[in-house]
Amino acid sequence: MTELDLYKFVTERECEYHWTYHIDGIHLVLFISSYDLKDFCEMLGHYAFDDGGLACDQHLCYDGSVGLARFEDVCEEYGIDAKKVFKEEE
């Protein structure tokens, strides 16, 4: 997955995201529709699920979407600057 791949995915599918403030810093939460999960997993690549999977907390949301907390850590694994793809809320 490249920065451009992620940007296109998030913008074309209108994924919701939030920067959240915690005692240990600011973290990114990305919400992915259940309809887009297969495409998202394919974009990550099969090796992303080896050795325990993604390094983020995953939550099933009431609308069927999946919330990926601390998604900035996943971005870092791919060499992506999350702040370039996901604008911080003002």
Protein backbone atom coordinates (compact mmCIF):
# COMPACT_ATOMS: atom_id res chain seq x y z
CA MET A 1 0.00 0.00 0.00
CA THR A 2 1.31 3.43 -0.90
CA GLU A 3 0.33 6.87 0.34
CA LEU A 4 -1.48 7.49 -2.95
CA ASP A 5 -3.34 4.15 -2.75
CA LEU A 6 -4.55 4.98 0.75
CA TYR A 7 -5.54 8.54 -0.17
CA LYS A 8 -7.55 7.34 -3.17
CA PHE A 9 -9.23 4.62 -1.13
CA VAL A 10 -10.25 7.02 1.66
CA THR A 11 -11.47 9.79 -0.63
CA GLU A 12 -13.25 7.65 -3.24
CA ARG A 13 -15.09 5.66 -0.58
CA GLU A 14 -15.64 8.69 1.65
CA CYS A 15 -14.24 6.92 4.71
CA GLU A 16 -14.85 8.66 7.99
CA TYR A 17 -11.86 9.29 10.22
CA HIS A 18 -11.07 11.20 13.40
CA TRP A 19 -7.96 12.30 15.20
CA THR A 20 -8.59 11.57 18.87
CA TYR A 21 -6.78 13.00 21.86
CA HIS A 22 -5.50 10.62 24.53
CA ILE A 23 -3.22 10.95 27.49
CA ASP A 24 -0.40 9.41 25.42
CA GLY A 25 -0.93 11.61 22.34
CA ILE A 26 -3.10 12.08 19.30
CA HIS A 27 -4.32 8.95 17.52
CA LEU A 28 -6.11 8.29 14.25
CA VAL A 29 -9.30 6.24 14.01
CA LEU A 30 -10.33 5.15 10.51
CA PHE A 31 -13.81 3.76 9.80
CA ILE A 32 -14.22 1.37 6.87
CA SER A 33 -17.59 0.23 5.57
CA SER A 34 -18.20 -3.49 5.62
CA TYR A 35 -18.75 -3.24 1.86
CA ASP A 36 -15.18 -1.95 1.40
CA LEU A 37 -13.35 -4.37 3.71
CA LYS A 38 -12.33 -6.82 1.00
CA ASP A 39 -10.83 -4.06 -1.16
CA PHE A 40 -9.08 -2.59 1.87
CA CYS A 41 -7.55 -5.95 2.79
CA GLU A 42 -6.39 -6.49 -0.79
CA MET A 43 -4.76 -3.05 -0.78
CA LEU A 44 -2.88 -3.93 2.41
CA GLY A 45 -1.55 -7.14 0.88
CA HIS A 46 -1.66 -10.69 2.23
CA TYR A 47 1.48 -10.31 4.34
CA ALA A 48 -0.32 -7.69 6.47
CA PHE A 49 -2.17 -10.50 8.19
CA ASP A 50 0.85 -12.66 8.99
CA ASP A 51 2.22 -12.81 12.53
CA GLY A 52 -0.88 -11.52 14.30
CA GLY A 53 -2.31 -9.09 11.77
CA LEU A 54 -2.59 -5.31 11.95
CA ALA A 55 -0.99 -3.34 14.76
CA CYS A 56 -4.16 -1.46 15.70
CA ASP A 57 -7.31 -1.94 17.72
CA GLN A 58 -10.28 -3.04 15.62
CA HIS A 59 -13.89 -2.42 16.61
CA LEU A 60 -17.14 -3.43 14.94
CA CYS A 61 -19.39 -0.37 14.91
CA TYR A 62 -23.18 -0.21 15.16
CA ASP A 63 -23.56 0.50 11.42
CA GLY A 64 -21.53 -2.53 10.38
CA SER A 65 -18.37 -0.56 9.68
CA VAL A 66 -15.05 -1.40 11.25
CA GLY A 67 -13.17 1.20 13.28
CA LEU A 68 -9.40 0.90 13.18
CA ALA A 69 -7.96 2.76 16.18
CA ARG A 70 -4.35 3.93 16.22
CA PHE A 71 -4.32 3.64 12.44
CA GLU A 72 -1.30 5.94 12.30
CA ASP A 73 0.75 2.92 13.45
CA VAL A 74 -0.40 0.95 10.39
CA CYS A 75 0.51 3.89 8.17
CA GLU A 76 3.96 3.98 9.72
CA GLU A 77 4.48 0.29 8.92
CA TYR A 78 3.92 1.15 5.25
CA GLY A 79 6.10 4.26 5.34
CA ILE A 80 3.08 6.56 5.06
CA ASP A 81 2.82 9.89 6.86
CA ALA A 82 -0.75 9.73 8.17
CA LYS A 83 -0.94 13.51 8.51
CA LYS A 84 -0.49 13.88 4.75
CA VAL A 85 -3.45 11.60 4.00
CA PHE A 86 -5.70 12.48 6.92
CA LYS A 87 -6.07 16.17 7.69
CA GLU A 88 -6.23 16.99 11.38
CA GLU A 89 -9.54 18.42 12.50
CA GLU A 90 -9.55 22.01 13.70
